[in-house]
N, C-alpha and C. Protein backbone atom coordinates (compact mmCIF):
# COMPACT_ATOMS: atom_id res chain seq x y z
N MET A 1 14.39 -5.58 12.71
CA MET A 1 13.46 -4.55 13.16
C MET A 1 12.32 -4.41 12.16
N THR A 2 11.11 -4.37 12.64
CA THR A 2 9.94 -4.26 11.77
C THR A 2 9.87 -2.90 11.11
N ARG A 3 9.67 -2.92 9.79
CA ARG A 3 9.52 -1.70 9.00
C ARG A 3 8.08 -1.63 8.49
N THR A 4 7.52 -0.44 8.47
CA THR A 4 6.18 -0.24 7.93
C THR A 4 6.33 0.34 6.52
N GLN A 5 5.87 -0.43 5.53
CA GLN A 5 6.15 -0.14 4.13
C GLN A 5 4.87 0.09 3.33
N TYR A 6 4.89 1.12 2.52
CA TYR A 6 3.83 1.33 1.53
C TYR A 6 4.38 0.81 0.21
N TYR A 7 3.97 -0.43 -0.13
CA TYR A 7 4.41 -1.11 -1.35
C TYR A 7 3.27 -0.99 -2.33
N VAL A 8 3.49 -0.25 -3.42
CA VAL A 8 2.38 0.13 -4.29
C VAL A 8 2.90 0.40 -5.69
N ALA A 9 2.02 0.30 -6.67
CA ALA A 9 2.37 0.67 -8.04
C ALA A 9 1.49 1.84 -8.46
N ALA A 10 2.06 2.71 -9.27
CA ALA A 10 1.33 3.89 -9.74
C ALA A 10 1.70 4.18 -11.19
N SER A 11 0.86 4.96 -11.82
CA SER A 11 1.17 5.46 -13.16
C SER A 11 2.23 6.55 -13.05
N ILE A 12 2.79 6.94 -14.17
CA ILE A 12 3.80 8.00 -14.17
C ILE A 12 3.25 9.28 -13.56
N ASP A 13 1.95 9.54 -13.78
CA ASP A 13 1.37 10.77 -13.23
C ASP A 13 0.78 10.59 -11.84
N GLY A 14 1.13 9.49 -11.16
CA GLY A 14 0.87 9.39 -9.73
C GLY A 14 -0.46 8.84 -9.29
N TYR A 15 -1.09 7.97 -10.11
CA TYR A 15 -2.38 7.39 -9.72
C TYR A 15 -2.24 5.89 -9.51
N ILE A 16 -2.88 5.38 -8.45
CA ILE A 16 -2.79 3.95 -8.14
C ILE A 16 -3.98 3.18 -8.72
N ALA A 17 -4.97 3.87 -9.20
CA ALA A 17 -6.12 3.26 -9.89
C ALA A 17 -6.70 4.33 -10.80
N ASP A 18 -7.42 3.89 -11.83
CA ASP A 18 -8.01 4.89 -12.73
C ASP A 18 -9.25 5.51 -12.08
N ALA A 19 -9.92 6.37 -12.81
CA ALA A 19 -11.06 7.11 -12.25
C ALA A 19 -12.21 6.20 -11.84
N ASP A 20 -12.25 4.98 -12.41
CA ASP A 20 -13.28 4.00 -12.05
C ASP A 20 -12.80 3.02 -10.98
N GLY A 21 -11.59 3.24 -10.46
CA GLY A 21 -11.04 2.35 -9.44
C GLY A 21 -10.48 1.06 -10.01
N ARG A 22 -10.25 1.02 -11.31
CA ARG A 22 -9.79 -0.21 -11.98
C ARG A 22 -8.26 -0.22 -12.12
N LEU A 23 -7.72 -1.46 -12.29
CA LEU A 23 -6.27 -1.65 -12.40
C LEU A 23 -5.86 -2.35 -13.70
N ASP A 24 -6.74 -2.38 -14.68
CA ASP A 24 -6.41 -3.05 -15.94
C ASP A 24 -5.12 -2.51 -16.56
N TRP A 25 -4.92 -1.21 -16.43
CA TRP A 25 -3.73 -0.56 -16.98
C TRP A 25 -2.46 -1.11 -16.35
N LEU A 26 -2.56 -1.60 -15.10
CA LEU A 26 -1.41 -2.13 -14.38
C LEU A 26 -1.21 -3.62 -14.63
N PHE A 27 -2.31 -4.37 -14.72
CA PHE A 27 -2.22 -5.82 -14.85
C PHE A 27 -1.45 -6.26 -16.10
N GLN A 28 -1.40 -5.41 -17.12
CA GLN A 28 -0.67 -5.77 -18.33
C GLN A 28 0.83 -5.94 -18.08
N PHE A 29 1.31 -5.48 -16.91
CA PHE A 29 2.72 -5.59 -16.58
C PHE A 29 3.03 -6.74 -15.62
N ASN A 30 2.01 -7.55 -15.29
CA ASN A 30 2.22 -8.66 -14.35
C ASN A 30 3.29 -9.62 -14.80
N ASP A 31 3.43 -9.78 -16.11
CA ASP A 31 4.41 -10.74 -16.64
C ASP A 31 5.72 -10.07 -17.04
N ALA A 32 5.90 -8.81 -16.71
CA ALA A 32 7.16 -8.13 -17.04
C ALA A 32 8.31 -8.85 -16.34
N GLN A 33 9.42 -8.95 -17.02
CA GLN A 33 10.57 -9.68 -16.50
C GLN A 33 10.98 -9.18 -15.12
N GLY A 34 11.08 -10.10 -14.17
CA GLY A 34 11.55 -9.78 -12.83
C GLY A 34 10.48 -9.38 -11.84
N VAL A 35 9.27 -9.04 -12.30
CA VAL A 35 8.23 -8.54 -11.40
C VAL A 35 7.77 -9.62 -10.42
N THR A 36 7.46 -10.82 -10.93
CA THR A 36 6.95 -11.89 -10.07
C THR A 36 7.97 -12.27 -9.00
N GLU A 37 9.23 -12.43 -9.39
CA GLU A 37 10.27 -12.80 -8.43
C GLU A 37 10.44 -11.72 -7.36
N HIS A 38 10.41 -10.46 -7.79
CA HIS A 38 10.57 -9.35 -6.86
C HIS A 38 9.42 -9.32 -5.85
N TYR A 39 8.20 -9.50 -6.35
CA TYR A 39 7.02 -9.50 -5.47
C TYR A 39 7.08 -10.66 -4.48
N THR A 40 7.46 -11.85 -4.97
CA THR A 40 7.54 -13.03 -4.10
C THR A 40 8.53 -12.80 -2.97
N LYS A 41 9.67 -12.21 -3.30
CA LYS A 41 10.68 -11.90 -2.27
C LYS A 41 10.15 -10.89 -1.27
N PHE A 42 9.47 -9.84 -1.77
CA PHE A 42 8.89 -8.84 -0.87
C PHE A 42 7.89 -9.50 0.08
N LEU A 43 6.96 -10.30 -0.48
CA LEU A 43 5.90 -10.91 0.32
C LEU A 43 6.47 -11.84 1.39
N SER A 44 7.59 -12.49 1.12
CA SER A 44 8.19 -13.39 2.10
C SER A 44 8.68 -12.64 3.34
N GLY A 45 8.86 -11.33 3.23
CA GLY A 45 9.29 -10.52 4.36
C GLY A 45 8.17 -9.81 5.07
N VAL A 46 6.91 -10.10 4.70
CA VAL A 46 5.75 -9.44 5.29
C VAL A 46 5.18 -10.28 6.42
N GLY A 47 5.01 -9.65 7.59
CA GLY A 47 4.45 -10.35 8.74
C GLY A 47 3.08 -9.86 9.16
N ALA A 48 2.62 -8.74 8.58
CA ALA A 48 1.30 -8.20 8.87
C ALA A 48 0.88 -7.28 7.74
N LEU A 49 -0.42 -7.21 7.50
CA LEU A 49 -0.99 -6.42 6.41
C LEU A 49 -2.05 -5.46 6.94
N ALA A 50 -2.15 -4.28 6.31
CA ALA A 50 -3.25 -3.36 6.60
C ALA A 50 -3.83 -2.89 5.29
N MET A 51 -5.14 -2.78 5.24
CA MET A 51 -5.81 -2.27 4.05
C MET A 51 -7.15 -1.65 4.44
N GLY A 52 -7.68 -0.83 3.56
CA GLY A 52 -9.00 -0.25 3.76
C GLY A 52 -10.08 -1.17 3.20
N ALA A 53 -11.33 -0.79 3.44
CA ALA A 53 -12.46 -1.61 3.01
C ALA A 53 -12.52 -1.75 1.50
N ALA A 54 -12.26 -0.67 0.76
CA ALA A 54 -12.36 -0.72 -0.70
C ALA A 54 -11.32 -1.67 -1.28
N THR A 55 -10.11 -1.66 -0.74
CA THR A 55 -9.06 -2.58 -1.21
C THR A 55 -9.46 -4.02 -0.90
N TYR A 56 -9.97 -4.27 0.29
CA TYR A 56 -10.40 -5.61 0.66
C TYR A 56 -11.49 -6.12 -0.28
N GLU A 57 -12.48 -5.27 -0.55
CA GLU A 57 -13.56 -5.67 -1.45
C GLU A 57 -13.04 -5.93 -2.86
N PHE A 58 -12.07 -5.14 -3.30
CA PHE A 58 -11.48 -5.34 -4.62
C PHE A 58 -10.80 -6.71 -4.69
N ILE A 59 -10.05 -7.06 -3.63
CA ILE A 59 -9.36 -8.36 -3.60
C ILE A 59 -10.37 -9.50 -3.64
N LEU A 60 -11.44 -9.38 -2.83
CA LEU A 60 -12.46 -10.44 -2.81
C LEU A 60 -13.08 -10.61 -4.19
N ALA A 61 -13.34 -9.51 -4.88
CA ALA A 61 -13.98 -9.57 -6.20
C ALA A 61 -13.05 -10.20 -7.24
N GLU A 62 -11.73 -10.05 -7.05
CA GLU A 62 -10.76 -10.57 -8.02
C GLU A 62 -10.32 -11.99 -7.73
N LEU A 63 -10.64 -12.51 -6.53
CA LEU A 63 -10.15 -13.84 -6.14
C LEU A 63 -10.70 -14.93 -7.03
N ARG A 64 -9.81 -15.79 -7.48
CA ARG A 64 -10.20 -16.95 -8.28
C ARG A 64 -9.84 -18.25 -7.55
N GLU A 65 -8.93 -18.13 -6.58
CA GLU A 65 -8.50 -19.32 -5.83
C GLU A 65 -8.50 -18.99 -4.35
N ALA A 66 -7.47 -19.44 -3.63
CA ALA A 66 -7.39 -19.21 -2.19
C ALA A 66 -6.96 -17.78 -1.88
N TRP A 67 -7.17 -17.38 -0.64
CA TRP A 67 -6.71 -16.09 -0.15
C TRP A 67 -5.20 -15.97 -0.40
N PRO A 68 -4.74 -14.91 -1.08
CA PRO A 68 -3.34 -14.86 -1.50
C PRO A 68 -2.34 -14.51 -0.39
N TYR A 69 -2.84 -14.21 0.81
CA TYR A 69 -1.94 -13.81 1.90
C TYR A 69 -2.09 -14.76 3.09
N ALA A 70 -2.18 -16.04 2.78
CA ALA A 70 -2.36 -17.07 3.81
C ALA A 70 -1.25 -16.99 4.85
N GLY A 71 -1.65 -17.07 6.11
CA GLY A 71 -0.68 -17.05 7.20
C GLY A 71 -0.24 -15.65 7.62
N ILE A 72 -0.73 -14.62 6.94
CA ILE A 72 -0.36 -13.24 7.29
C ILE A 72 -1.58 -12.56 7.92
N PRO A 73 -1.51 -12.19 9.21
CA PRO A 73 -2.64 -11.48 9.81
C PRO A 73 -2.90 -10.17 9.08
N THR A 74 -4.17 -9.94 8.75
CA THR A 74 -4.56 -8.80 7.92
C THR A 74 -5.61 -7.96 8.64
N TRP A 75 -5.29 -6.68 8.84
CA TRP A 75 -6.23 -5.74 9.45
C TRP A 75 -6.94 -4.98 8.34
N VAL A 76 -8.27 -4.99 8.39
CA VAL A 76 -9.08 -4.24 7.44
C VAL A 76 -9.76 -3.11 8.20
N PHE A 77 -9.43 -1.88 7.83
CA PHE A 77 -10.01 -0.71 8.49
C PHE A 77 -11.33 -0.37 7.80
N THR A 78 -12.42 -0.47 8.56
CA THR A 78 -13.73 -0.26 7.96
C THR A 78 -14.75 0.14 9.03
N HIS A 79 -15.76 0.84 8.59
CA HIS A 79 -16.90 1.16 9.44
C HIS A 79 -18.15 0.42 8.94
N ARG A 80 -17.93 -0.48 8.01
CA ARG A 80 -19.03 -1.24 7.42
C ARG A 80 -18.90 -2.72 7.78
N GLU A 81 -20.02 -3.43 7.71
CA GLU A 81 -20.03 -4.88 7.91
C GLU A 81 -19.52 -5.52 6.62
N LEU A 82 -18.44 -6.30 6.72
CA LEU A 82 -17.86 -6.95 5.56
C LEU A 82 -17.72 -8.45 5.82
N PRO A 83 -17.80 -9.26 4.77
CA PRO A 83 -17.65 -10.70 4.97
C PRO A 83 -16.19 -11.08 5.21
N GLY A 84 -15.99 -12.13 5.97
CA GLY A 84 -14.64 -12.68 6.13
C GLY A 84 -14.31 -13.55 4.92
N TYR A 85 -13.20 -14.26 5.02
CA TYR A 85 -12.83 -15.18 3.94
C TYR A 85 -12.31 -16.46 4.59
N PRO A 86 -12.83 -17.62 4.16
CA PRO A 86 -12.44 -18.89 4.80
C PRO A 86 -10.92 -19.10 4.79
N GLY A 87 -10.38 -19.42 5.96
CA GLY A 87 -8.97 -19.73 6.06
C GLY A 87 -8.05 -18.53 6.16
N ALA A 88 -8.61 -17.32 6.08
CA ALA A 88 -7.79 -16.11 6.15
C ALA A 88 -7.88 -15.51 7.55
N ASP A 89 -6.78 -14.94 8.01
CA ASP A 89 -6.73 -14.28 9.32
C ASP A 89 -7.06 -12.80 9.11
N ILE A 90 -8.36 -12.49 9.00
CA ILE A 90 -8.83 -11.14 8.75
C ILE A 90 -9.33 -10.54 10.05
N ARG A 91 -8.86 -9.33 10.36
CA ARG A 91 -9.26 -8.65 11.60
C ARG A 91 -9.84 -7.28 11.22
N PHE A 92 -11.16 -7.19 11.30
CA PHE A 92 -11.82 -5.93 10.97
C PHE A 92 -11.71 -4.99 12.15
N THR A 93 -11.44 -3.71 11.86
CA THR A 93 -11.24 -2.76 12.96
C THR A 93 -11.74 -1.38 12.60
N THR A 94 -12.18 -0.67 13.64
CA THR A 94 -12.52 0.75 13.52
C THR A 94 -11.57 1.58 14.38
N GLU A 95 -10.58 0.92 14.97
CA GLU A 95 -9.65 1.61 15.87
C GLU A 95 -8.75 2.58 15.12
N ASP A 96 -8.15 3.49 15.89
CA ASP A 96 -7.17 4.42 15.35
C ASP A 96 -5.95 3.65 14.87
N VAL A 97 -5.33 4.13 13.78
CA VAL A 97 -4.19 3.41 13.20
C VAL A 97 -3.02 3.31 14.18
N GLY A 98 -2.87 4.27 15.08
CA GLY A 98 -1.78 4.21 16.05
C GLY A 98 -1.89 3.00 16.95
N ALA A 99 -3.10 2.74 17.47
CA ALA A 99 -3.31 1.58 18.35
C ALA A 99 -3.16 0.28 17.57
N VAL A 100 -3.68 0.25 16.35
CA VAL A 100 -3.59 -0.97 15.55
C VAL A 100 -2.15 -1.23 15.12
N HIS A 101 -1.40 -0.18 14.86
CA HIS A 101 0.00 -0.35 14.45
C HIS A 101 0.78 -1.12 15.51
N GLU A 102 0.54 -0.83 16.78
CA GLU A 102 1.22 -1.55 17.86
C GLU A 102 0.89 -3.04 17.80
N GLN A 103 -0.37 -3.37 17.53
CA GLN A 103 -0.78 -4.77 17.41
C GLN A 103 -0.08 -5.42 16.21
N MET A 104 0.01 -4.68 15.13
CA MET A 104 0.61 -5.21 13.91
C MET A 104 2.10 -5.48 14.10
N VAL A 105 2.78 -4.58 14.80
CA VAL A 105 4.22 -4.78 15.07
C VAL A 105 4.43 -6.06 15.86
N ARG A 106 3.59 -6.29 16.87
CA ARG A 106 3.71 -7.51 17.67
C ARG A 106 3.45 -8.75 16.80
N ALA A 107 2.43 -8.68 15.96
CA ALA A 107 2.07 -9.82 15.11
C ALA A 107 3.14 -10.11 14.06
N ALA A 108 3.79 -9.06 13.56
CA ALA A 108 4.77 -9.21 12.48
C ALA A 108 6.05 -9.88 12.95
N GLY A 109 6.34 -9.80 14.23
CA GLY A 109 7.58 -10.37 14.74
C GLY A 109 8.77 -9.65 14.15
N GLU A 110 9.65 -10.38 13.49
CA GLU A 110 10.83 -9.79 12.87
C GLU A 110 10.58 -9.36 11.43
N LYS A 111 9.35 -9.58 10.94
CA LYS A 111 9.03 -9.23 9.56
C LYS A 111 8.45 -7.82 9.48
N ASN A 112 8.06 -7.42 8.27
CA ASN A 112 7.60 -6.06 8.03
C ASN A 112 6.09 -5.96 7.93
N ILE A 113 5.59 -4.73 7.97
CA ILE A 113 4.17 -4.44 7.83
C ILE A 113 3.96 -3.84 6.44
N TRP A 114 3.01 -4.41 5.72
CA TRP A 114 2.68 -3.90 4.38
C TRP A 114 1.38 -3.11 4.46
N LEU A 115 1.46 -1.81 4.17
CA LEU A 115 0.27 -0.98 4.00
C LEU A 115 -0.14 -1.11 2.55
N MET A 116 -1.25 -1.78 2.31
CA MET A 116 -1.66 -2.13 0.96
C MET A 116 -2.79 -1.23 0.48
N GLY A 117 -2.71 -0.87 -0.80
CA GLY A 117 -3.86 -0.23 -1.42
C GLY A 117 -4.01 1.23 -1.06
N GLY A 118 -5.20 1.61 -0.69
CA GLY A 118 -5.62 3.00 -0.64
C GLY A 118 -4.71 3.99 0.06
N GLY A 119 -4.44 5.07 -0.65
CA GLY A 119 -3.60 6.12 -0.11
C GLY A 119 -4.19 6.83 1.09
N ASN A 120 -5.53 6.85 1.19
CA ASN A 120 -6.14 7.53 2.34
C ASN A 120 -5.76 6.86 3.65
N LEU A 121 -5.74 5.52 3.68
CA LEU A 121 -5.33 4.81 4.89
C LEU A 121 -3.84 5.03 5.15
N VAL A 122 -3.03 4.95 4.12
CA VAL A 122 -1.59 5.16 4.28
C VAL A 122 -1.32 6.57 4.79
N ALA A 123 -2.12 7.53 4.34
CA ALA A 123 -1.96 8.91 4.81
C ALA A 123 -2.16 9.00 6.32
N GLN A 124 -3.08 8.21 6.87
CA GLN A 124 -3.30 8.22 8.32
C GLN A 124 -2.07 7.71 9.06
N PHE A 125 -1.44 6.65 8.53
CA PHE A 125 -0.21 6.16 9.14
C PHE A 125 0.91 7.19 9.02
N SER A 126 1.04 7.79 7.85
CA SER A 126 2.14 8.74 7.64
C SER A 126 1.98 9.98 8.51
N LYS A 127 0.75 10.43 8.72
CA LYS A 127 0.53 11.62 9.55
C LYS A 127 0.91 11.39 11.01
N ARG A 128 0.98 10.12 11.42
CA ARG A 128 1.38 9.78 12.78
C ARG A 128 2.85 9.38 12.85
N GLY A 129 3.57 9.54 11.74
CA GLY A 129 4.99 9.19 11.73
C GLY A 129 5.25 7.71 11.77
N LEU A 130 4.31 6.90 11.27
CA LEU A 130 4.42 5.44 11.36
C LEU A 130 4.82 4.79 10.04
N LEU A 131 5.18 5.57 9.04
CA LEU A 131 5.57 5.04 7.74
C LEU A 131 7.08 5.14 7.60
N ASP A 132 7.73 3.99 7.32
CA ASP A 132 9.19 3.95 7.20
C ASP A 132 9.69 4.00 5.76
N GLU A 133 8.97 3.33 4.86
CA GLU A 133 9.46 3.22 3.48
C GLU A 133 8.33 3.31 2.48
N LEU A 134 8.64 3.87 1.33
CA LEU A 134 7.76 3.85 0.17
C LEU A 134 8.46 3.04 -0.91
N LEU A 135 7.85 1.93 -1.30
CA LEU A 135 8.36 1.10 -2.38
C LEU A 135 7.41 1.32 -3.55
N LEU A 136 7.80 2.20 -4.45
CA LEU A 136 6.91 2.70 -5.49
C LEU A 136 7.25 2.09 -6.85
N GLY A 137 6.39 1.18 -7.31
CA GLY A 137 6.50 0.69 -8.67
C GLY A 137 5.90 1.72 -9.60
N VAL A 138 6.60 2.04 -10.67
CA VAL A 138 6.10 3.04 -11.63
C VAL A 138 5.87 2.35 -12.97
N ALA A 139 4.62 2.36 -13.41
CA ALA A 139 4.26 1.77 -14.70
C ALA A 139 4.33 2.85 -15.78
N PRO A 140 4.82 2.50 -16.96
CA PRO A 140 4.99 3.49 -18.02
C PRO A 140 3.68 3.82 -18.74
N VAL A 141 2.72 4.32 -17.96
CA VAL A 141 1.44 4.78 -18.50
C VAL A 141 1.07 6.09 -17.83
N ILE A 142 0.27 6.87 -18.52
CA ILE A 142 -0.25 8.12 -17.96
C ILE A 142 -1.77 8.03 -17.99
N LEU A 143 -2.40 8.12 -16.83
CA LEU A 143 -3.85 7.93 -16.72
C LEU A 143 -4.62 9.24 -16.85
N GLY A 144 -4.01 10.35 -16.48
CA GLY A 144 -4.71 11.63 -16.58
C GLY A 144 -5.72 11.88 -15.48
N GLY A 145 -5.80 10.99 -14.51
CA GLY A 145 -6.73 11.16 -13.39
C GLY A 145 -6.98 9.81 -12.73
N GLY A 146 -7.56 9.84 -11.54
CA GLY A 146 -7.85 8.61 -10.82
C GLY A 146 -7.64 8.77 -9.34
N ILE A 147 -7.27 7.70 -8.67
CA ILE A 147 -7.04 7.69 -7.23
C ILE A 147 -5.56 7.98 -6.98
N PRO A 148 -5.25 9.04 -6.22
CA PRO A 148 -3.85 9.45 -6.06
C PRO A 148 -3.03 8.49 -5.20
N LEU A 149 -1.75 8.52 -5.44
CA LEU A 149 -0.79 7.70 -4.71
C LEU A 149 -0.89 7.91 -3.21
N LEU A 150 -0.86 9.14 -2.78
CA LEU A 150 -0.89 9.45 -1.35
C LEU A 150 -1.48 10.84 -1.15
N PRO A 151 -2.74 10.92 -0.71
CA PRO A 151 -3.38 12.21 -0.53
C PRO A 151 -2.98 12.88 0.79
N ALA A 152 -1.69 12.98 1.01
CA ALA A 152 -1.16 13.64 2.20
C ALA A 152 0.21 14.19 1.84
N ARG A 153 0.61 15.20 2.55
CA ARG A 153 1.91 15.81 2.30
C ARG A 153 2.95 15.22 3.22
N LEU A 154 4.09 14.84 2.64
CA LEU A 154 5.22 14.38 3.45
C LEU A 154 6.35 15.38 3.30
N PRO A 155 6.91 15.86 4.41
CA PRO A 155 8.07 16.74 4.30
C PRO A 155 9.19 15.98 3.61
N GLY A 156 9.91 16.63 2.77
CA GLY A 156 10.96 15.95 2.02
C GLY A 156 12.25 16.74 2.09
N PRO A 157 13.17 16.36 1.26
CA PRO A 157 12.99 15.31 0.26
C PRO A 157 13.09 13.92 0.88
N LEU A 158 12.39 12.97 0.24
CA LEU A 158 12.53 11.58 0.65
C LEU A 158 13.92 11.10 0.23
N GLU A 159 14.41 10.07 0.90
CA GLU A 159 15.77 9.58 0.63
C GLU A 159 15.71 8.35 -0.28
N LEU A 160 16.18 8.49 -1.51
CA LEU A 160 16.17 7.39 -2.46
C LEU A 160 17.20 6.34 -2.04
N GLN A 161 16.73 5.10 -1.80
CA GLN A 161 17.61 4.02 -1.35
C GLN A 161 17.95 3.03 -2.45
N GLY A 162 17.18 3.03 -3.53
CA GLY A 162 17.48 2.10 -4.60
C GLY A 162 16.48 2.19 -5.74
N ILE A 163 16.93 1.71 -6.90
CA ILE A 163 16.10 1.64 -8.10
C ILE A 163 16.22 0.23 -8.66
N THR A 164 15.08 -0.40 -8.93
CA THR A 164 15.07 -1.71 -9.55
C THR A 164 14.37 -1.61 -10.89
N ARG A 165 15.01 -2.11 -11.93
CA ARG A 165 14.42 -2.08 -13.27
C ARG A 165 13.84 -3.45 -13.60
N PHE A 166 12.66 -3.43 -14.22
CA PHE A 166 12.01 -4.64 -14.69
C PHE A 166 11.83 -4.54 -16.21
N GLY A 167 11.23 -5.58 -16.78
CA GLY A 167 10.92 -5.54 -18.20
C GLY A 167 9.78 -4.59 -18.49
N GLN A 168 9.56 -4.31 -19.76
CA GLN A 168 8.46 -3.48 -20.25
C GLN A 168 8.45 -2.06 -19.69
N GLY A 169 9.61 -1.57 -19.27
CA GLY A 169 9.69 -0.20 -18.80
C GLY A 169 9.26 0.04 -17.37
N MET A 170 8.95 -1.03 -16.61
CA MET A 170 8.58 -0.88 -15.20
C MET A 170 9.83 -0.65 -14.35
N VAL A 171 9.70 0.20 -13.34
CA VAL A 171 10.77 0.40 -12.37
C VAL A 171 10.17 0.44 -10.96
N GLU A 172 11.01 0.20 -9.97
CA GLU A 172 10.61 0.42 -8.58
C GLU A 172 11.60 1.40 -7.95
N LEU A 173 11.06 2.42 -7.32
CA LEU A 173 11.85 3.41 -6.58
C LEU A 173 11.63 3.14 -5.10
N ARG A 174 12.73 2.96 -4.37
CA ARG A 174 12.63 2.65 -2.94
C ARG A 174 13.08 3.88 -2.15
N TYR A 175 12.16 4.45 -1.39
CA TYR A 175 12.43 5.66 -0.62
C TYR A 175 12.34 5.41 0.87
N GLU A 176 13.27 5.96 1.60
CA GLU A 176 13.21 6.01 3.06
C GLU A 176 12.41 7.26 3.42
N ILE A 177 11.49 7.11 4.38
CA ILE A 177 10.73 8.26 4.86
C ILE A 177 11.51 8.87 6.03
N PRO A 178 11.91 10.13 5.94
CA PRO A 178 12.70 10.73 7.02
C PRO A 178 11.95 10.68 8.34
N ARG A 179 12.66 10.44 9.42
CA ARG A 179 12.05 10.47 10.76
C ARG A 179 11.45 11.84 10.97
N GLY A 180 10.26 11.85 11.54
CA GLY A 180 9.59 13.12 11.76
C GLY A 180 8.65 13.48 10.62
N ALA A 181 8.71 12.72 9.50
CA ALA A 181 7.76 12.98 8.42
C ALA A 181 6.37 12.61 8.92
N GLY A 182 5.40 13.39 8.51
CA GLY A 182 4.04 13.17 8.98
C GLY A 182 3.80 14.05 10.18
N GLY A 183 3.10 13.53 11.18
CA GLY A 183 2.78 14.33 12.35
C GLY A 183 1.95 15.54 11.97
N ALA A 184 2.17 16.63 12.66
CA ALA A 184 1.36 17.82 12.43
C ALA A 184 1.59 18.39 11.05
N SER A 185 2.79 18.15 10.48
CA SER A 185 3.07 18.71 9.16
C SER A 185 2.50 17.86 8.03
N GLY A 186 1.98 16.68 8.35
CA GLY A 186 1.46 15.81 7.31
C GLY A 186 0.02 16.10 6.98
N GLU A 187 -0.26 17.31 6.58
CA GLU A 187 -1.63 17.71 6.31
C GLU A 187 -2.08 17.19 4.95
N PRO A 188 -3.35 16.79 4.85
CA PRO A 188 -3.84 16.28 3.58
C PRO A 188 -3.94 17.39 2.55
N TYR A 189 -3.92 16.99 1.28
CA TYR A 189 -4.16 17.95 0.20
C TYR A 189 -5.59 18.45 0.30
N PRO A 190 -5.89 19.63 -0.26
CA PRO A 190 -7.29 20.08 -0.31
C PRO A 190 -8.15 19.03 -1.02
N LYS A 191 -9.40 18.92 -0.62
CA LYS A 191 -10.28 17.90 -1.17
C LYS A 191 -10.35 17.95 -2.69
N SER A 192 -10.26 19.14 -3.27
CA SER A 192 -10.36 19.26 -4.72
C SER A 192 -9.22 18.55 -5.45
N HIS A 193 -8.12 18.25 -4.74
CA HIS A 193 -7.00 17.57 -5.36
C HIS A 193 -7.03 16.07 -5.10
N ASN A 194 -8.09 15.58 -4.48
CA ASN A 194 -8.18 14.17 -4.14
C ASN A 194 -9.39 13.54 -4.84
N PRO A 195 -9.21 13.10 -6.10
CA PRO A 195 -10.34 12.52 -6.81
C PRO A 195 -10.80 11.19 -6.24
N GLY A 196 -9.98 10.57 -5.34
CA GLY A 196 -10.37 9.29 -4.74
C GLY A 196 -11.35 9.52 -3.64
C-alpha cells in the first residue's frame, strides 16, 4: 500500500534550513555512519516525488551530475515558469494537492510518495489528511531560526514507530500520523511564527 511520507532532516530546534535557506549545517553529516545506506534504502521505496518551486530550484543549483531521482516521476508545485531538466520526469503543476495526490498514488504503484523539502507544501497535504508518516532526521545543531519543519498544526500525539541512530549524533525518528490528523483541525501557525 502506498504511503505518503515527509522524509526530512531538521535541527534540534526544528528548522529544515537556516534563515538564508542554506543547508551547510546539515551537509556536514552526509558522511555520518549509516546515513548513506539508510537514504539509499529509503529512496528505493519511492515511486513518486512532490516538492515546491524553492526546493526544485535549490536542487537545480546544487546539481553537479545527473538528476538524482532518475525514473521517479516528480511533481513540482509552482505558479512560476521553471526550467525542466534533461532526462528527468518533471511535472509542473498549479493543481490542488488533493487532485495531484491521486495522480501520484497511481504513478507510485506499490511504492511510496516522498514529500520533499518545504514544510509549506507538506502542510497542504497534512491539512487534507494525506500525510501518513513523518521520517524526521535530527541533526545535533541548534540554528536559532530559519525555515520551520512544518508550519501547520497536527493533532497528536504522533505515534513513534522507531528510532534509528547514525554516527556523529544524528538520529531518525519515525512517526505515524494518526488518521484524521489535518483536515479542519490542521490550521497553520500564525504568520509571525513562520519565518519561511
